[in-house]
N, C-alpha and C. Protein backbone atom coordinates (compact mmCIF):
# COMPACT_ATOMS: atom_id res chain seq x y z
N UNK A 1 7.04 -38.39 35.87
CA UNK A 1 8.23 -37.65 36.27
C UNK A 1 9.31 -38.59 36.81
N UNK A 2 8.93 -39.79 37.16
CA UNK A 2 9.85 -40.76 37.74
C UNK A 2 10.49 -40.25 39.02
N UNK A 3 9.78 -39.41 39.75
CA UNK A 3 10.26 -38.94 41.03
C UNK A 3 9.68 -39.82 42.12
N UNK A 4 10.36 -39.84 43.25
CA UNK A 4 9.85 -40.59 44.38
C UNK A 4 9.52 -39.62 45.51
N UNK A 5 8.70 -40.04 46.45
CA UNK A 5 8.34 -39.14 47.55
C UNK A 5 9.58 -38.64 48.28
N UNK A 6 9.49 -37.41 48.75
CA UNK A 6 10.62 -36.80 49.45
C UNK A 6 10.87 -37.56 50.75
N UNK A 7 12.12 -37.94 51.04
CA UNK A 7 12.42 -38.72 52.25
C UNK A 7 12.03 -37.97 53.52
N UNK A 8 11.45 -38.71 54.44
CA UNK A 8 11.09 -38.14 55.74
C UNK A 8 9.78 -37.39 55.75
N UNK A 9 9.12 -37.29 54.60
CA UNK A 9 7.84 -36.59 54.56
C UNK A 9 6.77 -37.48 55.18
N UNK A 10 6.06 -36.93 56.14
CA UNK A 10 5.01 -37.69 56.79
C UNK A 10 3.65 -37.13 56.40
N UNK A 11 2.64 -37.92 56.59
CA UNK A 11 1.29 -37.50 56.27
C UNK A 11 0.95 -36.23 57.04
N UNK A 12 0.54 -35.20 56.32
CA UNK A 12 0.13 -33.95 56.96
C UNK A 12 1.25 -32.97 57.21
N UNK A 13 2.49 -33.39 57.08
CA UNK A 13 3.62 -32.48 57.28
C UNK A 13 4.07 -31.97 55.93
N UNK A 14 3.63 -30.78 55.53
CA UNK A 14 3.95 -30.25 54.21
C UNK A 14 5.27 -29.49 54.25
N UNK A 15 6.32 -30.15 53.79
CA UNK A 15 7.62 -29.48 53.70
C UNK A 15 7.67 -28.61 52.46
N UNK A 16 6.67 -28.74 51.61
CA UNK A 16 6.67 -28.00 50.36
C UNK A 16 7.32 -28.78 49.25
N UNK A 17 8.11 -29.78 49.58
CA UNK A 17 8.79 -30.60 48.57
C UNK A 17 7.97 -31.87 48.39
N UNK A 18 7.48 -32.08 47.18
CA UNK A 18 6.64 -33.24 46.91
C UNK A 18 7.45 -34.49 46.61
N UNK A 19 8.59 -34.30 45.95
CA UNK A 19 9.36 -35.47 45.57
C UNK A 19 10.79 -35.13 45.23
N UNK A 20 11.52 -36.18 44.94
CA UNK A 20 12.93 -36.04 44.59
C UNK A 20 13.23 -37.00 43.45
N UNK A 21 14.04 -36.55 42.55
CA UNK A 21 14.46 -37.37 41.42
C UNK A 21 15.98 -37.35 41.39
N UNK A 22 16.57 -38.49 41.12
CA UNK A 22 18.02 -38.60 41.10
C UNK A 22 18.51 -38.78 39.67
N UNK A 23 19.72 -38.28 39.40
CA UNK A 23 20.30 -38.49 38.08
C UNK A 23 21.82 -38.50 38.18
N UNK A 24 22.43 -39.06 37.16
CA UNK A 24 23.88 -39.04 37.02
C UNK A 24 24.23 -38.14 35.85
N UNK A 25 25.30 -37.40 36.00
CA UNK A 25 25.84 -36.63 34.88
C UNK A 25 26.85 -37.53 34.17
N UNK A 26 27.56 -36.98 33.24
CA UNK A 26 28.48 -37.74 32.40
C UNK A 26 29.52 -38.53 33.20
N UNK A 27 29.98 -37.98 34.33
CA UNK A 27 31.00 -38.67 35.12
C UNK A 27 30.48 -39.92 35.82
N UNK A 28 29.17 -40.00 36.04
CA UNK A 28 28.50 -41.13 36.70
C UNK A 28 29.01 -41.41 38.11
N UNK A 29 29.80 -40.53 38.67
CA UNK A 29 30.36 -40.75 40.00
C UNK A 29 29.45 -40.22 41.09
N UNK A 30 28.84 -39.10 40.84
CA UNK A 30 28.04 -38.43 41.85
C UNK A 30 26.56 -38.56 41.52
N UNK A 31 25.78 -39.00 42.49
CA UNK A 31 24.33 -39.01 42.33
C UNK A 31 23.85 -37.59 42.60
N UNK A 32 23.16 -37.03 41.65
CA UNK A 32 22.69 -35.65 41.76
C UNK A 32 21.18 -35.63 42.00
N UNK A 33 20.70 -34.52 42.60
CA UNK A 33 19.30 -34.44 43.01
C UNK A 33 18.52 -33.38 42.25
N UNK A 34 17.26 -33.72 42.01
CA UNK A 34 16.28 -32.77 41.50
C UNK A 34 15.14 -32.74 42.52
N UNK A 35 14.77 -31.56 42.97
CA UNK A 35 13.65 -31.39 43.89
C UNK A 35 12.40 -31.09 43.07
N UNK A 36 11.28 -31.70 43.45
CA UNK A 36 10.02 -31.49 42.76
C UNK A 36 9.02 -30.85 43.73
N UNK A 37 8.48 -29.71 43.34
CA UNK A 37 7.42 -29.06 44.10
C UNK A 37 6.19 -28.98 43.22
N UNK A 38 5.04 -29.26 43.80
CA UNK A 38 3.78 -29.20 43.07
C UNK A 38 2.86 -28.25 43.82
N UNK A 39 2.35 -27.25 43.13
CA UNK A 39 1.46 -26.27 43.74
C UNK A 39 0.24 -26.07 42.86
N UNK A 40 -0.91 -25.93 43.48
CA UNK A 40 -2.14 -25.69 42.74
C UNK A 40 -2.76 -24.39 43.20
N UNK A 41 -3.85 -24.04 42.59
CA UNK A 41 -4.57 -22.83 42.98
C UNK A 41 -4.14 -21.62 42.18
N UNK A 42 -4.84 -20.53 42.44
CA UNK A 42 -4.59 -19.29 41.71
C UNK A 42 -3.58 -18.38 42.41
N UNK A 43 -3.13 -18.77 43.61
CA UNK A 43 -2.23 -17.90 44.37
C UNK A 43 -0.76 -18.22 44.14
N UNK A 44 -0.46 -18.96 43.08
CA UNK A 44 0.92 -19.32 42.77
C UNK A 44 1.63 -18.07 42.26
N UNK A 45 2.84 -17.82 42.80
CA UNK A 45 3.54 -16.61 42.40
C UNK A 45 5.04 -16.71 42.59
N UNK A 46 5.73 -15.59 42.39
CA UNK A 46 7.19 -15.58 42.44
C UNK A 46 7.78 -15.94 43.81
N UNK A 47 7.05 -15.69 44.88
CA UNK A 47 7.55 -16.05 46.21
C UNK A 47 7.74 -17.56 46.33
N UNK A 48 6.87 -18.33 45.68
CA UNK A 48 6.99 -19.79 45.72
C UNK A 48 8.20 -20.27 44.91
N UNK A 49 8.53 -19.56 43.86
CA UNK A 49 9.74 -19.88 43.09
C UNK A 49 10.98 -19.57 43.93
N UNK A 50 10.96 -18.46 44.65
CA UNK A 50 12.08 -18.13 45.55
C UNK A 50 12.22 -19.19 46.64
N UNK A 51 11.10 -19.69 47.14
CA UNK A 51 11.14 -20.78 48.14
C UNK A 51 11.81 -22.02 47.56
N UNK A 52 11.50 -22.34 46.30
CA UNK A 52 12.12 -23.49 45.65
C UNK A 52 13.63 -23.28 45.52
N UNK A 53 14.05 -22.08 45.18
CA UNK A 53 15.48 -21.78 45.07
C UNK A 53 16.16 -21.99 46.42
N UNK A 54 15.52 -21.59 47.51
CA UNK A 54 16.07 -21.81 48.85
C UNK A 54 16.11 -23.30 49.17
N UNK A 55 15.07 -24.04 48.76
CA UNK A 55 15.05 -25.49 48.99
C UNK A 55 16.19 -26.18 48.23
N UNK A 56 16.45 -25.73 47.02
CA UNK A 56 17.54 -26.30 46.21
C UNK A 56 18.86 -26.14 46.95
N UNK A 57 19.10 -24.95 47.49
CA UNK A 57 20.34 -24.70 48.23
C UNK A 57 20.41 -25.53 49.51
N UNK A 58 19.32 -25.56 50.27
CA UNK A 58 19.30 -26.30 51.54
C UNK A 58 19.50 -27.79 51.34
N UNK A 59 18.88 -28.36 50.32
CA UNK A 59 18.95 -29.79 50.07
C UNK A 59 20.14 -30.19 49.20
N UNK A 60 20.95 -29.20 48.82
CA UNK A 60 22.12 -29.43 47.95
C UNK A 60 21.71 -30.13 46.66
N UNK A 61 20.62 -29.66 46.07
CA UNK A 61 20.13 -30.20 44.81
C UNK A 61 20.73 -29.41 43.66
N UNK A 62 20.65 -29.97 42.48
CA UNK A 62 21.19 -29.30 41.30
C UNK A 62 20.11 -28.62 40.47
N UNK A 63 18.89 -29.16 40.52
CA UNK A 63 17.79 -28.64 39.71
C UNK A 63 16.51 -28.69 40.55
N UNK A 64 15.60 -27.78 40.29
CA UNK A 64 14.29 -27.79 40.93
C UNK A 64 13.20 -27.71 39.88
N UNK A 65 12.18 -28.54 40.04
CA UNK A 65 11.02 -28.52 39.15
C UNK A 65 9.84 -27.94 39.92
N UNK A 66 9.22 -26.93 39.35
CA UNK A 66 8.05 -26.31 39.95
C UNK A 66 6.87 -26.63 39.04
N UNK A 67 6.00 -27.51 39.51
CA UNK A 67 4.87 -27.97 38.71
C UNK A 67 3.59 -27.34 39.26
N UNK A 68 2.79 -26.75 38.37
CA UNK A 68 1.60 -26.05 38.80
C UNK A 68 0.44 -26.28 37.82
N UNK A 69 -0.75 -25.98 38.28
CA UNK A 69 -1.93 -26.10 37.42
C UNK A 69 -2.04 -24.95 36.44
N UNK A 70 -1.56 -23.77 36.84
CA UNK A 70 -1.71 -22.58 36.02
C UNK A 70 -0.38 -22.21 35.36
N UNK A 71 -0.47 -21.48 34.28
CA UNK A 71 0.73 -21.03 33.59
C UNK A 71 1.51 -20.06 34.49
N UNK A 72 2.85 -20.11 34.43
CA UNK A 72 3.65 -19.21 35.26
C UNK A 72 3.48 -17.75 34.82
N UNK A 73 3.55 -16.88 35.80
CA UNK A 73 3.46 -15.44 35.53
C UNK A 73 4.82 -14.94 35.04
N UNK A 74 4.85 -13.76 34.41
CA UNK A 74 6.15 -13.20 33.99
C UNK A 74 7.12 -13.03 35.17
N UNK A 75 6.60 -12.68 36.35
CA UNK A 75 7.46 -12.52 37.53
C UNK A 75 8.06 -13.87 37.96
N UNK A 76 7.28 -14.94 37.82
CA UNK A 76 7.80 -16.28 38.15
C UNK A 76 8.90 -16.68 37.17
N UNK A 77 8.69 -16.38 35.90
CA UNK A 77 9.68 -16.70 34.88
C UNK A 77 10.98 -15.94 35.14
N UNK A 78 10.88 -14.69 35.55
CA UNK A 78 12.05 -13.88 35.89
C UNK A 78 12.81 -14.47 37.07
N UNK A 79 12.08 -14.87 38.12
CA UNK A 79 12.72 -15.48 39.29
C UNK A 79 13.43 -16.78 38.91
N UNK A 80 12.76 -17.61 38.11
CA UNK A 80 13.36 -18.88 37.70
C UNK A 80 14.62 -18.65 36.87
N UNK A 81 14.58 -17.70 35.98
CA UNK A 81 15.75 -17.40 35.13
C UNK A 81 16.93 -16.90 35.96
N UNK A 82 16.64 -16.17 37.04
CA UNK A 82 17.70 -15.63 37.89
C UNK A 82 18.46 -16.73 38.63
N UNK A 83 17.88 -17.92 38.72
CA UNK A 83 18.55 -19.03 39.43
C UNK A 83 19.72 -19.60 38.63
N UNK A 84 19.78 -19.31 37.34
CA UNK A 84 20.90 -19.75 36.54
C UNK A 84 20.72 -21.15 35.97
N UNK A 85 21.85 -21.81 35.73
CA UNK A 85 21.84 -23.10 35.03
C UNK A 85 22.69 -24.13 35.74
N UNK A 86 22.33 -25.40 35.54
CA UNK A 86 23.19 -26.52 35.92
C UNK A 86 24.00 -26.85 34.67
N UNK A 87 25.32 -26.75 34.78
CA UNK A 87 26.20 -27.01 33.65
C UNK A 87 26.63 -28.47 33.67
N UNK A 88 26.13 -29.23 32.71
CA UNK A 88 26.48 -30.63 32.62
C UNK A 88 27.91 -30.79 32.11
N UNK A 89 28.52 -31.88 32.47
CA UNK A 89 29.89 -32.14 32.03
C UNK A 89 29.98 -32.40 30.54
N UNK A 90 28.84 -32.68 29.89
CA UNK A 90 28.90 -32.88 28.44
C UNK A 90 28.66 -31.59 27.67
N UNK A 91 28.58 -30.46 28.39
CA UNK A 91 28.53 -29.16 27.75
C UNK A 91 27.15 -28.54 27.59
N UNK A 92 26.11 -29.20 28.04
CA UNK A 92 24.76 -28.66 27.94
C UNK A 92 24.39 -28.00 29.26
N UNK A 93 23.76 -26.84 29.16
CA UNK A 93 23.26 -26.14 30.35
C UNK A 93 21.76 -26.40 30.48
N UNK A 94 21.34 -26.74 31.71
CA UNK A 94 19.94 -27.00 32.00
C UNK A 94 19.47 -25.95 33.01
N UNK A 95 18.28 -25.37 32.80
CA UNK A 95 17.78 -24.40 33.79
C UNK A 95 17.75 -25.00 35.19
N UNK A 96 18.30 -24.28 36.16
CA UNK A 96 18.31 -24.77 37.54
C UNK A 96 16.90 -24.83 38.10
N UNK A 97 16.03 -23.90 37.71
CA UNK A 97 14.62 -23.92 38.10
C UNK A 97 13.79 -24.01 36.83
N UNK A 98 12.98 -25.05 36.76
CA UNK A 98 12.15 -25.28 35.58
C UNK A 98 10.68 -25.19 35.98
N UNK A 99 9.94 -24.36 35.26
CA UNK A 99 8.52 -24.15 35.52
C UNK A 99 7.72 -25.00 34.54
N UNK A 100 6.95 -25.93 35.08
CA UNK A 100 6.18 -26.86 34.26
C UNK A 100 4.73 -26.83 34.68
N UNK A 101 3.83 -27.10 33.74
CA UNK A 101 2.40 -27.17 34.07
C UNK A 101 1.92 -28.62 33.93
N UNK A 102 0.90 -28.94 34.68
CA UNK A 102 0.28 -30.27 34.58
C UNK A 102 -0.18 -30.51 33.14
N UNK A 103 -0.80 -29.50 32.55
CA UNK A 103 -1.30 -29.61 31.18
C UNK A 103 -0.15 -29.92 30.21
N UNK A 104 0.96 -29.20 30.34
CA UNK A 104 2.09 -29.42 29.45
C UNK A 104 2.72 -30.79 29.63
N UNK A 105 2.79 -31.25 30.87
CA UNK A 105 3.36 -32.57 31.14
C UNK A 105 2.47 -33.68 30.57
N UNK A 106 1.16 -33.56 30.80
CA UNK A 106 0.23 -34.58 30.30
C UNK A 106 0.15 -34.59 28.78
N UNK A 107 0.27 -33.41 28.16
CA UNK A 107 0.20 -33.32 26.70
C UNK A 107 1.51 -33.74 26.05
N UNK A 108 2.58 -33.81 26.85
CA UNK A 108 3.88 -34.17 26.30
C UNK A 108 4.63 -33.00 25.70
N UNK A 109 4.11 -31.79 25.86
CA UNK A 109 4.79 -30.61 25.32
C UNK A 109 5.85 -30.07 26.27
N UNK A 110 5.88 -30.53 27.51
CA UNK A 110 6.89 -30.14 28.48
C UNK A 110 7.47 -31.40 29.13
N UNK A 111 8.70 -31.28 29.58
CA UNK A 111 9.34 -32.37 30.32
C UNK A 111 10.48 -31.79 31.15
N UNK A 112 10.89 -32.54 32.14
CA UNK A 112 12.03 -32.13 32.96
C UNK A 112 13.30 -32.28 32.12
N UNK A 113 14.11 -31.25 32.08
CA UNK A 113 15.34 -31.28 31.30
C UNK A 113 16.53 -31.48 32.23
N UNK A 114 17.24 -32.59 32.03
CA UNK A 114 18.43 -32.88 32.82
C UNK A 114 19.18 -34.03 32.16
N UNK A 115 20.48 -34.15 32.44
CA UNK A 115 21.19 -35.32 31.92
C UNK A 115 20.71 -36.56 32.66
N UNK A 116 20.75 -37.67 32.02
CA UNK A 116 20.31 -38.91 32.67
C UNK A 116 21.07 -40.08 32.06
N UNK A 117 22.19 -40.38 32.65
CA UNK A 117 23.02 -41.45 32.13
C UNK A 117 22.76 -42.78 32.82
N UNK A 118 21.75 -42.83 33.65
CA UNK A 118 21.32 -44.08 34.26
C UNK A 118 19.82 -43.97 34.51
N UNK A 119 19.02 -44.24 33.50
CA UNK A 119 17.59 -43.97 33.61
C UNK A 119 16.86 -44.72 34.70
N UNK A 120 17.37 -45.86 35.16
CA UNK A 120 16.69 -46.61 36.21
C UNK A 120 17.18 -46.27 37.61
N UNK A 121 17.85 -45.16 37.76
CA UNK A 121 18.43 -44.77 39.05
C UNK A 121 17.35 -44.54 40.11
N UNK A 122 16.20 -44.01 39.72
CA UNK A 122 15.16 -43.68 40.69
C UNK A 122 14.38 -44.89 41.15
N UNK A 123 14.13 -45.80 40.28
CA UNK A 123 13.36 -46.98 40.62
C UNK A 123 14.10 -48.19 40.07
N UNK A 124 14.78 -48.88 40.93
CA UNK A 124 15.50 -50.08 40.52
C UNK A 124 14.48 -51.16 40.15
N UNK A 125 14.76 -51.85 39.08
CA UNK A 125 13.87 -52.93 38.67
C UNK A 125 14.14 -54.15 39.53
N UNK A 126 13.07 -54.77 39.96
CA UNK A 126 13.16 -55.94 40.81
C UNK A 126 13.48 -57.15 39.95
N UNK A 127 14.39 -57.98 40.44
CA UNK A 127 14.72 -59.20 39.72
C UNK A 127 13.60 -60.20 39.95
N UNK A 128 13.15 -60.77 38.88
CA UNK A 128 12.08 -61.75 38.98
C UNK A 128 12.66 -63.11 39.28
N UNK A 129 12.01 -63.80 40.18
CA UNK A 129 12.44 -65.16 40.51
C UNK A 129 11.85 -66.11 39.48
N UNK A 130 12.63 -67.11 39.10
CA UNK A 130 12.07 -68.07 38.15
C UNK A 130 10.90 -68.79 38.80
N UNK A 131 9.88 -69.01 38.02
CA UNK A 131 8.72 -69.72 38.53
C UNK A 131 8.76 -71.16 38.05
N UNK A 132 8.26 -72.00 38.89
CA UNK A 132 8.22 -73.41 38.51
C UNK A 132 6.94 -73.65 37.74
N UNK A 133 7.07 -74.24 36.58
CA UNK A 133 5.87 -74.51 35.80
C UNK A 133 5.16 -75.72 36.39
N UNK A 134 3.86 -75.63 36.35
CA UNK A 134 3.09 -76.74 36.89
C UNK A 134 3.19 -77.94 35.94
N UNK A 135 3.21 -79.12 36.51
CA UNK A 135 3.37 -80.33 35.72
C UNK A 135 2.18 -80.56 34.80
N UNK A 136 2.44 -81.15 33.65
CA UNK A 136 1.38 -81.39 32.68
C UNK A 136 0.65 -82.66 32.99
């Protein structure tokens, strides 16, 4: 997912947000946020999707990813659809709340949908220092 841990999250303090992913839209001026929530178990439901929508608003994020072990219920899909879309400057609309499963992500049949005009924004590559070769 190329997400990084949510800032300020400490061991044992479950804010409900597992990670954050950053992206640039076409203008490349504003760094935009995607919130990532991961939930397991059989008790996953529409209330958790509503919580993600509230987290998106509170954190001023543009998109939220809800990743779960089980397939989303029809009620969860309805809640996610009600959140609307992030309208990219290049004319593509991306679901503001995206429901993804671990199985779909691992199989490659699902992925986070968002513009990404700077793919290394989340993890900057470290510059390697030249190494001195040992003498022959």
